[in-house]
Amino acid sequence: MSTASVAPAPLLTAEQYAKRPDPGHREELVRGRIVPMPQPTRRHGQICAQGVYLFRRFLEDQDQGHVVSNDAGVITERDPDTVRGADIAYYSYRKVPRGPMPKDYGAEPPEMVVEVRSPSDRWAKVLQKIAEYLKAGVLAVVVLDDESRTALVAMADEPPRRLGPDEELTIPDILPGFAVPVRRFFE
């Protein structure tokens, strides 16, 4: 009896991944392999929409950069490639000039990524993803946790800080002047 081994599919690059047709479900590229992701809940989407609203509202008066959402791809590793879908990301005009965003993932990491923690997300995996973003050059990662109504703010070379509902989220090195009570993200 012969046992034929099936060769694993070749690893994809970020560029190959970007050219694939929409599979009809969420996924990320992790070290060259496609990993399916569960569809987020309505509450997850509501918190993301509120976050985009709060950042965009600030940027209407302080025209400093772009806010993107809807799992916009961020390359966090190369060779093999990883492309994560950020819930919300901020790119200053220093990184990406005014005007429409480029249609590719881009080599430049955003200055800030905001992730909304789903009830099924384990903190160990969330912390791994934070470390991955920071290693890729993201300056700040904010994790909004609906369960505790808190925000965890992680920046390179600083211990993470957890902000309670009545504390203000500020990231002065990235968004000077932005100050919003954490509870506003959960309204």
Protein backbone atom coordinates (compact mmCIF):
# COMPACT_ATOMS: atom_id res chain seq x y z
CA MET A 1 0.00 0.00 0.00
CA SER A 2 1.44 3.31 -1.07
CA THR A 3 0.97 6.44 0.95
CA ALA A 4 1.33 9.55 -1.10
CA SER A 5 2.20 12.66 0.83
CA VAL A 6 0.54 15.86 -0.15
CA ALA A 7 2.92 18.76 -0.46
CA PRO A 8 1.86 21.78 1.55
CA ALA A 9 0.65 24.76 -0.45
CA PRO A 10 3.45 27.23 -1.21
CA LEU A 11 3.76 30.19 1.12
CA LEU A 12 2.10 33.37 -0.11
CA THR A 13 3.65 36.81 -0.10
CA ALA A 14 1.67 39.84 0.98
CA GLU A 15 1.49 40.92 -2.66
CA GLN A 16 0.09 37.55 -3.79
CA TYR A 17 -2.37 37.56 -0.91
CA ALA A 18 -3.60 41.04 -1.91
CA LYS A 19 -4.34 39.89 -5.47
CA ARG A 20 -6.52 36.94 -4.45
CA PRO A 21 -10.25 37.20 -5.07
CA ASP A 22 -12.43 37.92 -2.05
CA PRO A 23 -13.11 34.54 -0.43
CA GLY A 24 -16.38 35.76 1.11
CA HIS A 25 -15.14 35.41 4.68
CA ARG A 26 -12.54 37.05 6.93
CA GLU A 27 -8.99 35.80 6.95
CA GLU A 28 -5.44 36.95 7.64
CA LEU A 29 -2.10 35.89 6.22
CA VAL A 30 0.12 34.51 8.99
CA ARG A 31 3.67 33.55 8.04
CA GLY A 32 2.64 32.88 4.47
CA ARG A 33 -0.43 30.79 5.31
CA ILE A 34 -4.07 31.83 5.14
CA VAL A 35 -5.83 31.66 8.50
CA PRO A 36 -9.64 31.95 8.59
CA MET A 37 -11.10 34.40 11.10
CA PRO A 38 -14.57 34.38 12.65
CA GLN A 39 -16.96 37.08 11.53
CA PRO A 40 -17.12 39.83 14.19
CA THR A 41 -20.34 40.44 16.09
CA ARG A 42 -22.55 43.51 15.74
CA ARG A 43 -21.24 44.83 19.06
CA HIS A 44 -17.65 44.53 17.79
CA GLY A 45 -18.65 46.48 14.69
CA GLN A 46 -20.40 49.12 16.79
CA ILE A 47 -17.29 49.72 18.90
CA CYS A 48 -15.14 49.93 15.76
CA ALA A 49 -17.56 52.40 14.17
CA GLN A 50 -17.58 54.53 17.33
CA GLY A 51 -13.77 54.52 17.37
CA VAL A 52 -13.57 55.59 13.72
CA TYR A 53 -16.12 58.34 14.45
CA LEU A 54 -14.14 59.67 17.44
CA PHE A 55 -10.83 59.72 15.55
CA ARG A 56 -12.35 61.17 12.35
CA ARG A 57 -14.21 63.84 14.31
CA PHE A 58 -10.91 64.93 15.91
CA LEU A 59 -9.11 64.87 12.55
CA GLU A 60 -11.71 67.08 10.88
CA ASP A 61 -10.36 69.96 12.96
CA GLN A 62 -6.79 68.68 13.31
CA ASP A 63 -6.02 67.55 9.77
CA GLN A 64 -3.06 65.31 10.58
CA GLY A 65 -3.63 62.02 8.79
CA HIS A 66 -5.80 59.11 7.64
CA VAL A 67 -7.99 56.75 9.64
CA VAL A 68 -8.74 53.38 8.06
CA SER A 69 -10.89 50.51 9.27
CA ASN A 70 -12.67 47.37 8.11
CA ASP A 71 -9.68 45.08 8.69
CA ALA A 72 -7.40 47.14 6.43
CA GLY A 73 -4.26 45.05 5.91
CA VAL A 74 -1.06 45.84 7.81
CA ILE A 75 2.12 43.93 6.95
CA THR A 76 3.70 42.90 10.24
CA GLU A 77 6.30 40.38 9.06
CA ARG A 78 8.25 39.56 5.90
CA ASP A 79 9.71 36.29 4.61
CA PRO A 80 7.39 34.62 5.37
CA ASP A 81 4.81 37.40 5.21
CA THR A 82 2.09 38.21 7.72
CA VAL A 83 -0.78 40.58 6.97
CA ARG A 84 -3.05 41.45 9.89
CA GLY A 85 -6.45 43.08 9.54
CA ALA A 86 -6.47 46.09 11.87
CA ASP A 87 -9.87 47.10 13.23
CA ILE A 88 -8.75 50.75 13.06
CA ALA A 89 -5.40 52.20 11.97
CA TYR A 90 -4.00 55.72 11.82
CA TYR A 91 -1.40 56.92 9.29
CA SER A 92 -0.07 60.47 9.58
CA TYR A 93 0.41 62.52 6.44
CA ARG A 94 4.17 62.15 7.05
CA LYS A 95 3.78 58.44 6.25
CA VAL A 96 1.00 58.57 3.67
CA PRO A 97 0.38 61.95 1.96
CA ARG A 98 -3.07 63.57 1.74
CA GLY A 99 -5.45 62.16 -0.82
CA PRO A 100 -6.80 58.69 -1.44
CA MET A 101 -4.92 55.90 0.28
CA PRO A 102 -2.82 53.65 -1.99
CA LYS A 103 -4.54 50.46 -3.10
CA ASP A 104 -1.83 48.14 -1.74
CA TYR A 105 -0.95 47.18 1.83
CA GLY A 106 2.12 49.38 1.79
CA ALA A 107 5.50 48.87 3.39
CA GLU A 108 4.98 51.63 5.95
CA PRO A 109 3.28 50.58 9.19
CA PRO A 110 0.58 52.82 10.66
CA GLU A 111 1.55 54.92 13.66
CA MET A 112 -1.38 53.50 15.65
CA VAL A 113 -3.52 50.37 15.53
CA VAL A 114 -6.74 49.94 17.51
CA GLU A 115 -8.04 46.43 18.08
CA VAL A 116 -11.38 45.59 19.65
CA ARG A 117 -11.13 42.51 21.84
CA SER A 118 -13.86 40.01 21.08
CA PRO A 119 -15.24 37.81 23.89
CA SER A 120 -13.54 34.78 22.28
CA ASP A 121 -10.10 36.50 22.13
CA ARG A 122 -7.65 35.10 24.68
CA TRP A 123 -5.33 37.67 26.26
CA ALA A 124 -2.25 35.58 25.39
CA LYS A 125 -3.09 35.87 21.67
CA VAL A 126 -3.95 39.57 22.03
CA LEU A 127 -0.57 40.23 23.66
CA GLN A 128 1.20 38.31 20.87
CA LYS A 129 -0.55 40.43 18.26
CA ILE A 130 0.39 43.63 20.13
CA ALA A 131 4.05 42.52 20.16
CA GLU A 132 3.85 41.71 16.44
CA TYR A 133 2.49 45.17 15.59
CA LEU A 134 5.11 46.92 17.74
CA LYS A 135 7.95 44.85 16.22
CA ALA A 136 6.68 45.87 12.76
CA GLY A 137 7.09 49.55 13.65
CA VAL A 138 3.62 50.51 14.86
CA LEU A 139 4.19 53.14 17.57
CA ALA A 140 1.06 52.48 19.66
CA VAL A 141 -1.47 49.67 19.90
CA VAL A 142 -4.76 50.31 21.71
CA VAL A 143 -6.93 47.35 22.69
CA LEU A 144 -10.51 48.22 23.55
CA ASP A 145 -12.06 45.65 25.90
CA ASP A 146 -15.86 45.84 26.04
CA GLU A 147 -16.08 43.36 28.91
CA SER A 148 -14.16 45.64 31.30
CA ARG A 149 -14.83 48.90 29.41
CA THR A 150 -11.11 49.61 29.44
CA ALA A 151 -8.37 50.45 26.97
CA LEU A 152 -4.95 48.85 27.08
CA VAL A 153 -2.33 51.13 25.51
CA ALA A 154 0.94 49.49 24.46
CA MET A 155 3.91 51.39 23.10
CA ALA A 156 7.43 50.20 22.31
CA ASP A 157 9.86 50.40 25.24
CA GLU A 158 7.11 51.29 27.74
CA PRO A 159 5.04 49.08 29.99
CA PRO A 160 1.43 48.80 28.81
CA ARG A 161 -1.04 51.00 30.64
CA ARG A 162 -4.67 50.13 31.28
CA LEU A 163 -7.12 53.02 31.26
CA GLY A 164 -10.45 52.81 33.05
CA PRO A 165 -13.75 54.07 31.62
CA ASP A 166 -13.39 57.58 33.08
CA GLU A 167 -9.74 58.04 32.13
CA GLU A 168 -8.86 59.86 28.93
CA LEU A 169 -7.20 58.10 26.03
CA THR A 170 -4.35 60.32 24.90
CA ILE A 171 -1.46 59.53 22.60
CA PRO A 172 0.30 62.91 22.42
CA ASP A 173 3.29 61.75 20.36
CA ILE A 174 0.97 60.45 17.63
CA LEU A 175 -2.23 62.52 17.88
CA PRO A 176 -1.40 65.75 19.73
CA GLY A 177 -4.55 67.19 21.28
CA PHE A 178 -6.64 63.99 21.09
CA ALA A 179 -8.24 63.29 24.49
CA VAL A 180 -11.41 61.20 24.83
CA PRO A 181 -12.76 59.38 27.89
CA VAL A 182 -12.44 55.63 27.30
CA ARG A 183 -16.17 55.09 28.02
CA ARG A 184 -16.99 57.02 24.81
CA PHE A 185 -15.68 54.11 22.71
CA PHE A 186 -18.32 51.84 24.25
CA GLU A 187 -21.37 54.10 23.82
